[in-house]
Amino acid sequence: MSATAPTQLNEQTWDALLEHHGGHLLQSWLWGEFKRRHGWQPERVYVETPHGLGFAQILFRSRGPISVGYCPRGPLMTGDANAVWPILRDEIDKVARRRRAMSVIFEPDRDPGLAGTLASHGIKPGPEHNQPARTVVVPLEPDEIILGHMHQKTRYSVRLAMRRGVEVSVADTHDQEAISAFYNLLSDTAGRNEFAVHSREYYEDFLDVFGDRAHIAFAHWEGNLCASVIAARFGKMGVYMYGASSTVHRGHGAAFLLQFEAMKWARENGCTCYDLWGIPKDDPESFTSEEGTSIAGTKGDDWRGIYRFKTGFGGQKVCLPDTFEREYIPGLPWLARKLGVIQE
């Protein structure tokens, strides 16, 4: 079996094969098309060999004369990676040179399985992760088992929301009023927690591209909007993508119940696990606020609050492998990183 040109795979075949082999949502055709709307140019490289298959969706972006390729949560190789990689790498090289890229940065979601040194495979250690380097993955078992694996305070918060009558509603992914409500809530959260957000169109485009593979839900208490969540699914994995909560009405366990309901949505659509998407690389030394009287929140680079929130759902902490890089103009890719070419 010889190598297959990447252009021979259409959207349905790419995603079907990727799902079958456990590929990540960020390697899906849909993700590439979503990112195309926001300044990236996706290229999909696929090879079939006698030793296994190779997939790499690479997103290219330029700033002036500088072009860099970025492969989030990829590549994916089946079989003997040491035999597949040289063939996949050669096809990637063709695309990268056509794009005049200085380098391609790979951010795999699993150990690529390459033996020996990186240099022996024509690659080098890459920069710091762009996507989170660690996450929490929750197995999607029956409700009572999911609840039983939660931290006691998280389980209490979910049940508190149920007792207090917090109402969860699911919106259509093309509902413009719902998208505006989510974005207003997200802007409130960003102001409180000191982080940047994309434009409203960014989240609208995500929901538009992913369609029924996406989930947007809201939590209300006594008519007040408390929190919202956007999740997505690909293959057997549900993924928490974006979340927001009201500064004034964020209590009553609403955000905890929303995540529990998103997990149930993912499970009902065939997923077996749920990725809570990003915790600090290292465990915080303390969860206490500066005043020493409460659990620390999340603000700027201080992720103690989000760490406590996500790990409270139980599941497994997963560390992502180190990044690696294929250079085409030795010594210059640092310039692209300095200019933030691959930053979201």
Protein backbone atom coordinates (compact mmCIF):
# COMPACT_ATOMS: atom_id res chain seq x y z
CA MET A 1 0.00 0.00 0.00
CA SER A 2 1.53 3.27 -1.06
CA ALA A 3 1.19 6.71 0.50
CA THR A 4 -2.08 8.44 -0.33
CA ALA A 5 -2.23 12.09 -1.31
CA PRO A 6 -4.01 14.17 1.35
CA THR A 7 -6.36 15.75 -1.18
CA GLN A 8 -8.11 12.40 -1.67
CA LEU A 9 -9.95 12.69 1.65
CA ASN A 10 -13.13 14.74 1.81
CA GLU A 11 -14.73 16.10 4.99
CA GLN A 12 -16.82 13.03 5.75
CA THR A 13 -13.98 10.57 5.19
CA TRP A 14 -11.42 12.60 7.15
CA ASP A 15 -13.64 12.95 10.21
CA ALA A 16 -14.92 9.36 10.03
CA LEU A 17 -11.38 7.95 9.93
CA LEU A 18 -10.15 10.35 12.60
CA GLU A 19 -13.04 9.44 14.90
CA HIS A 20 -12.50 5.72 14.31
CA HIS A 21 -8.88 6.02 15.41
CA GLY A 22 -9.57 8.24 18.42
CA GLY A 23 -8.42 11.56 16.96
CA HIS A 24 -9.04 14.84 18.76
CA LEU A 25 -11.68 17.49 18.05
CA LEU A 26 -8.92 20.02 17.23
CA GLN A 27 -7.83 17.74 14.39
CA SER A 28 -11.36 17.52 13.00
CA TRP A 29 -12.31 18.99 9.64
CA LEU A 30 -14.89 21.12 11.43
CA TRP A 31 -12.26 22.73 13.64
CA GLY A 32 -10.17 23.56 10.59
CA GLU A 33 -13.14 25.20 8.88
CA PHE A 34 -13.99 27.13 12.03
CA LYS A 35 -10.43 28.44 12.29
CA ARG A 36 -10.45 29.31 8.58
CA ARG A 37 -13.06 31.97 9.40
CA HIS A 38 -10.58 33.55 11.81
CA GLY A 39 -7.38 33.97 9.88
CA TRP A 40 -5.98 30.44 9.62
CA GLN A 41 -5.55 28.27 6.53
CA PRO A 42 -6.02 24.56 7.26
CA GLU A 43 -4.11 21.88 5.37
CA ARG A 44 -4.93 18.22 5.96
CA VAL A 45 -2.20 15.68 5.40
CA TYR A 46 -3.10 11.99 5.36
CA VAL A 47 -0.99 8.98 4.45
CA GLU A 48 -1.66 5.26 4.24
CA THR A 49 1.36 3.01 4.55
CA PRO A 50 1.94 -0.73 5.05
CA HIS A 51 2.80 0.16 8.66
CA GLY A 52 -0.20 2.32 9.60
CA LEU A 53 -1.97 5.60 8.96
CA GLY A 54 -0.91 9.19 9.56
CA PHE A 55 -3.08 12.29 10.05
CA ALA A 56 -2.03 15.91 10.54
CA GLN A 57 -4.33 18.89 10.23
CA ILE A 58 -2.01 21.89 10.16
CA LEU A 59 -3.23 25.45 10.55
CA PHE A 60 -1.12 28.07 8.80
CA ARG A 61 -1.13 31.76 9.61
CA SER A 62 1.01 34.64 8.39
CA ARG A 63 2.06 38.00 9.75
CA GLY A 64 3.73 39.95 7.03
CA PRO A 65 6.36 37.69 5.46
CA ILE A 66 6.33 35.29 8.44
CA SER A 67 4.34 32.06 8.14
CA VAL A 68 4.14 29.27 10.70
CA GLY A 69 2.25 26.00 10.78
CA TYR A 70 0.50 24.77 13.92
CA CYS A 71 -0.83 21.25 14.46
CA PRO A 72 -3.04 21.30 17.59
CA ARG A 73 -3.54 17.92 19.28
CA GLY A 74 -1.75 16.16 16.44
CA PRO A 75 -0.36 14.37 14.56
CA LEU A 76 -2.21 11.08 14.92
CA MET A 77 -0.38 7.93 13.79
CA THR A 78 -1.56 4.33 13.96
CA GLY A 79 0.53 1.19 13.80
CA ASP A 80 4.31 1.63 13.76
CA ALA A 81 4.82 5.38 14.26
CA ASN A 82 8.56 5.10 13.53
CA ALA A 83 7.74 3.82 10.05
CA VAL A 84 4.73 6.07 9.43
CA TRP A 85 6.35 9.33 10.58
CA PRO A 86 8.96 9.69 7.78
CA ILE A 87 6.23 9.33 5.14
CA LEU A 88 3.87 11.69 6.92
CA ARG A 89 6.72 14.14 7.53
CA ASP A 90 7.60 14.21 3.83
CA GLU A 91 4.02 15.12 2.93
CA ILE A 92 3.95 17.78 5.66
CA ASP A 93 7.19 19.20 4.27
CA LYS A 94 5.61 19.61 0.83
CA VAL A 95 2.67 21.54 2.25
CA ALA A 96 4.85 23.65 4.56
CA ARG A 97 7.21 24.66 1.77
CA ARG A 98 4.29 25.55 -0.47
CA ARG A 99 3.02 27.74 2.37
CA ARG A 100 6.53 29.18 2.84
CA ALA A 101 6.43 28.26 6.50
CA MET A 102 9.47 28.73 8.70
CA SER A 103 8.39 25.82 10.86
CA VAL A 104 5.51 23.59 11.92
CA ILE A 105 4.78 23.24 15.63
CA PHE A 106 3.13 20.00 16.78
CA GLU A 107 1.16 19.82 20.00
CA PRO A 108 0.18 16.13 20.27
CA ASP A 109 -2.61 14.83 22.51
CA ARG A 110 -0.75 11.56 23.12
CA ASP A 111 2.75 10.15 23.03
CA PRO A 112 3.56 9.97 19.30
CA GLY A 113 5.52 6.76 19.88
CA LEU A 114 8.77 7.84 18.24
CA ALA A 115 11.81 5.95 19.53
CA GLY A 116 15.23 7.53 19.95
CA THR A 117 16.02 11.24 19.86
CA LEU A 118 13.87 13.93 18.30
CA ALA A 119 16.80 14.89 16.09
CA SER A 120 16.86 11.40 14.61
CA HIS A 121 13.30 12.06 13.37
CA GLY A 122 14.12 15.48 11.93
CA ILE A 123 12.42 17.45 14.69
CA LYS A 124 13.39 19.42 17.79
CA PRO A 125 11.74 20.38 21.10
CA GLY A 126 8.98 22.90 20.54
CA PRO A 127 7.83 25.99 22.47
CA GLU A 128 5.50 26.12 25.45
CA HIS A 129 2.03 24.73 24.85
CA ASN A 130 -0.50 26.99 23.17
CA GLN A 131 -3.39 24.79 24.26
CA PRO A 132 -3.53 23.72 27.94
CA ALA A 133 -0.74 21.31 28.89
CA ARG A 134 -2.93 19.50 31.42
CA THR A 135 -6.63 18.75 31.71
CA VAL A 136 -9.20 16.68 33.58
CA VAL A 137 -11.09 13.88 31.79
CA VAL A 138 -14.24 12.48 33.39
CA PRO A 139 -15.57 9.01 32.43
CA LEU A 140 -19.23 9.28 31.39
CA GLU A 141 -20.84 6.60 33.50
CA PRO A 142 -24.42 6.53 34.88
CA ASP A 143 -25.48 9.65 36.79
CA GLU A 144 -25.04 8.29 40.31
CA ILE A 145 -21.56 6.99 39.51
CA ILE A 146 -20.51 10.36 38.04
CA LEU A 147 -21.88 12.07 41.14
CA GLY A 148 -20.19 9.53 43.39
CA HIS A 149 -16.77 10.30 41.88
CA MET A 150 -17.14 14.04 42.45
CA HIS A 151 -15.55 15.86 45.36
CA GLN A 152 -18.05 16.14 48.20
CA LYS A 153 -18.43 19.93 47.79
CA THR A 154 -18.94 19.63 44.03
CA ARG A 155 -21.60 16.96 44.46
CA TYR A 156 -23.26 19.14 47.11
CA SER A 157 -23.28 22.10 44.69
CA VAL A 158 -24.91 20.05 41.91
CA ARG A 159 -27.62 18.81 44.26
CA LEU A 160 -28.03 22.27 45.79
CA ALA A 161 -28.85 23.65 42.34
CA MET A 162 -31.44 20.91 41.87
CA ARG A 163 -33.03 21.57 45.28
CA ARG A 164 -33.17 25.33 44.75
CA GLY A 165 -34.88 24.92 41.42
CA VAL A 166 -32.10 26.12 39.13
CA GLU A 167 -33.47 25.64 35.63
CA VAL A 168 -31.23 24.49 32.76
CA SER A 169 -32.32 25.25 29.21
CA VAL A 170 -30.64 24.20 25.97
CA ALA A 171 -30.66 26.67 23.08
CA ASP A 172 -30.44 26.11 19.36
CA THR A 173 -26.89 26.69 18.12
CA HIS A 174 -28.17 29.26 15.62
CA ASP A 175 -30.31 31.21 18.10
CA GLN A 176 -28.98 34.76 17.85
CA GLU A 177 -30.54 35.88 21.13
CA ALA A 178 -28.92 32.96 22.93
CA ILE A 179 -25.54 33.75 21.40
CA SER A 180 -25.84 37.38 22.47
CA ALA A 181 -26.84 36.32 25.99
CA PHE A 182 -23.82 34.01 26.19
CA TYR A 183 -21.47 36.70 24.95
CA ASN A 184 -22.79 39.30 27.37
CA LEU A 185 -22.33 36.83 30.21
CA LEU A 186 -18.83 35.98 28.97
CA SER A 187 -17.90 39.66 28.86
CA ASP A 188 -19.09 39.99 32.45
CA THR A 189 -16.93 37.00 33.45
CA ALA A 190 -13.90 38.32 31.58
CA GLY A 191 -14.12 41.69 33.30
CA ARG A 192 -14.38 40.05 36.70
CA ASN A 193 -11.61 37.51 36.16
CA GLU A 194 -9.30 39.65 34.02
CA PHE A 195 -8.94 37.59 30.86
CA ALA A 196 -9.38 38.41 27.19
CA VAL A 197 -12.18 37.08 25.01
CA HIS A 198 -12.74 36.80 21.28
CA SER A 199 -15.38 38.74 19.38
CA ARG A 200 -19.02 37.68 19.50
CA GLU A 201 -18.62 36.37 15.96
CA TYR A 202 -15.98 33.90 17.10
CA TYR A 203 -18.44 32.01 19.34
CA GLU A 204 -21.23 32.41 16.81
CA ASP A 205 -19.02 30.84 14.14
CA PHE A 206 -18.04 27.98 16.43
CA LEU A 207 -21.69 27.11 17.04
CA ASP A 208 -22.53 27.55 13.35
CA VAL A 209 -19.76 25.23 12.15
CA PHE A 210 -20.26 22.51 14.77
CA GLY A 211 -24.05 22.60 14.58
CA ASP A 212 -25.59 19.59 16.34
CA ARG A 213 -22.15 18.55 17.56
CA ALA A 214 -22.22 21.64 19.79
CA HIS A 215 -24.23 22.31 22.94
CA ILE A 216 -25.13 25.72 24.38
CA ALA A 217 -27.04 25.79 27.65
CA PHE A 218 -28.08 28.33 30.28
CA ALA A 219 -28.88 28.15 33.98
CA HIS A 220 -31.55 30.43 35.50
CA TRP A 221 -32.68 30.88 39.10
CA GLU A 222 -35.88 32.74 39.84
CA GLY A 223 -35.76 34.27 36.37
CA ASN A 224 -32.17 35.46 36.67
CA LEU A 225 -29.49 34.28 34.25
CA CYS A 226 -26.73 32.66 36.33
CA ALA A 227 -24.35 30.85 34.00
CA SER A 228 -23.87 29.41 30.52
CA VAL A 229 -21.73 26.75 28.88
CA ILE A 230 -20.72 25.78 25.35
CA ALA A 231 -19.53 22.21 24.84
CA ALA A 232 -18.85 20.09 21.77
CA ARG A 233 -18.39 16.44 20.89
CA PHE A 234 -16.17 14.53 18.50
CA GLY A 235 -15.94 10.77 18.42
CA LYS A 236 -16.13 9.40 21.96
CA MET A 237 -15.08 12.67 23.62
CA GLY A 238 -17.21 15.53 24.86
CA VAL A 239 -15.29 18.76 25.41
CA TYR A 240 -16.02 21.79 27.58
CA MET A 241 -15.15 24.67 25.27
CA TYR A 242 -16.36 27.96 26.80
CA GLY A 243 -18.16 29.00 29.97
CA ALA A 244 -19.46 32.14 31.65
CA SER A 245 -21.22 33.19 34.84
CA SER A 246 -22.97 36.27 36.19
CA THR A 247 -21.15 38.39 38.74
CA VAL A 248 -24.45 39.10 40.52
CA HIS A 249 -26.31 35.78 40.15
CA ARG A 250 -23.59 33.13 39.89
CA GLY A 251 -24.42 31.28 43.11
CA HIS A 252 -26.85 28.44 43.83
CA GLY A 253 -24.60 25.79 42.23
CA ALA A 254 -25.66 26.81 38.72
CA ALA A 255 -22.27 26.36 37.00
CA PHE A 256 -21.83 22.91 38.59
CA LEU A 257 -25.24 21.76 37.40
CA LEU A 258 -24.56 23.07 33.89
CA GLN A 259 -21.40 20.95 33.63
CA PHE A 260 -23.23 17.88 34.91
CA GLU A 261 -25.95 18.41 32.29
CA ALA A 262 -23.31 18.90 29.57
CA MET A 263 -21.75 15.58 30.57
CA LYS A 264 -25.16 13.91 30.27
CA TRP A 265 -25.66 15.50 26.83
CA ALA A 266 -22.29 14.15 25.68
CA ARG A 267 -23.06 10.68 27.05
CA GLU A 268 -26.48 10.61 25.37
CA ASN A 269 -24.73 11.37 22.07
CA GLY A 270 -22.33 8.44 22.29
CA CYS A 271 -19.40 9.95 24.19
CA THR A 272 -17.63 7.91 26.84
CA CYS A 273 -15.61 10.71 28.45
CA TYR A 274 -15.74 14.48 28.97
CA ASP A 275 -12.72 16.78 28.77
CA LEU A 276 -12.94 19.76 31.14
CA TRP A 277 -10.26 21.51 29.08
CA GLY A 278 -7.39 23.00 30.95
CA ILE A 279 -6.03 23.17 34.47
CA PRO A 280 -2.70 24.63 35.65
CA LYS A 281 0.38 22.61 34.76
CA ASP A 282 1.21 22.27 38.46
CA ASP A 283 -1.12 21.76 41.40
CA PRO A 284 -1.64 24.97 43.39
CA GLU A 285 0.01 25.04 46.82
CA SER A 286 -3.08 26.62 48.37
CA PHE A 287 -6.70 27.29 47.44
CA THR A 288 -7.15 30.00 50.04
CA SER A 289 -7.81 33.61 49.06
CA GLU A 290 -5.40 36.35 50.06
CA GLU A 291 -7.71 37.23 52.93
CA GLY A 292 -7.50 33.63 54.10
CA THR A 293 -11.27 33.39 54.48
CA SER A 294 -12.48 31.70 51.28
CA ILE A 295 -11.58 29.61 48.25
CA ALA A 296 -9.49 31.65 45.82
CA GLY A 297 -11.18 32.68 42.62
CA THR A 298 -9.78 32.74 39.09
CA LYS A 299 -8.19 36.01 38.01
CA GLY A 300 -5.64 36.62 35.28
CA ASP A 301 -2.87 34.04 35.65
CA ASP A 302 -4.19 32.80 39.00
CA TRP A 303 -6.07 29.61 38.11
CA ARG A 304 -6.67 28.29 41.62
CA GLY A 305 -10.42 28.74 41.37
CA ILE A 306 -10.73 27.01 38.00
CA TYR A 307 -8.44 24.21 39.19
CA ARG A 308 -10.67 23.56 42.20
CA PHE A 309 -13.81 23.78 40.06
CA LYS A 310 -12.67 21.30 37.42
CA THR A 311 -10.87 18.78 39.60
CA GLY A 312 -13.96 18.71 41.83
CA PHE A 313 -15.78 16.69 39.16
CA GLY A 314 -13.43 13.74 39.71
CA GLY A 315 -11.94 12.15 36.65
CA GLN A 316 -8.30 11.78 35.73
CA LYS A 317 -5.71 14.54 35.48
CA VAL A 318 -4.07 14.13 32.08
CA CYS A 319 -0.70 15.68 31.19
CA LEU A 320 -0.22 16.34 27.49
CA PRO A 321 3.11 15.43 25.83
CA ASP A 322 5.73 18.08 25.14
CA THR A 323 5.48 19.93 21.86
CA PHE A 324 7.94 19.39 19.02
CA GLU A 325 8.83 21.37 15.93
CA ARG A 326 9.93 20.83 12.35
CA GLU A 327 12.11 23.75 11.23
CA TYR A 328 12.55 24.86 7.63
CA ILE A 329 14.53 28.05 8.26
CA PRO A 330 16.81 27.20 11.19
CA GLY A 331 17.07 29.83 13.89
CA LEU A 332 14.19 32.05 12.74
CA PRO A 333 11.00 30.45 14.14
CA TRP A 334 11.62 32.23 17.46
CA LEU A 335 10.65 35.45 15.67
CA ALA A 336 7.22 34.10 14.81
CA ARG A 337 6.72 33.08 18.44
CA LYS A 338 7.80 36.51 19.64
CA LEU A 339 5.21 38.06 17.34
CA GLY A 340 2.55 35.66 18.66
CA VAL A 341 1.70 34.18 15.27
CA ILE A 342 0.14 31.02 16.70
CA GLN A 343 -1.48 32.60 19.74
CA GLU A 344 -5.25 32.20 19.83
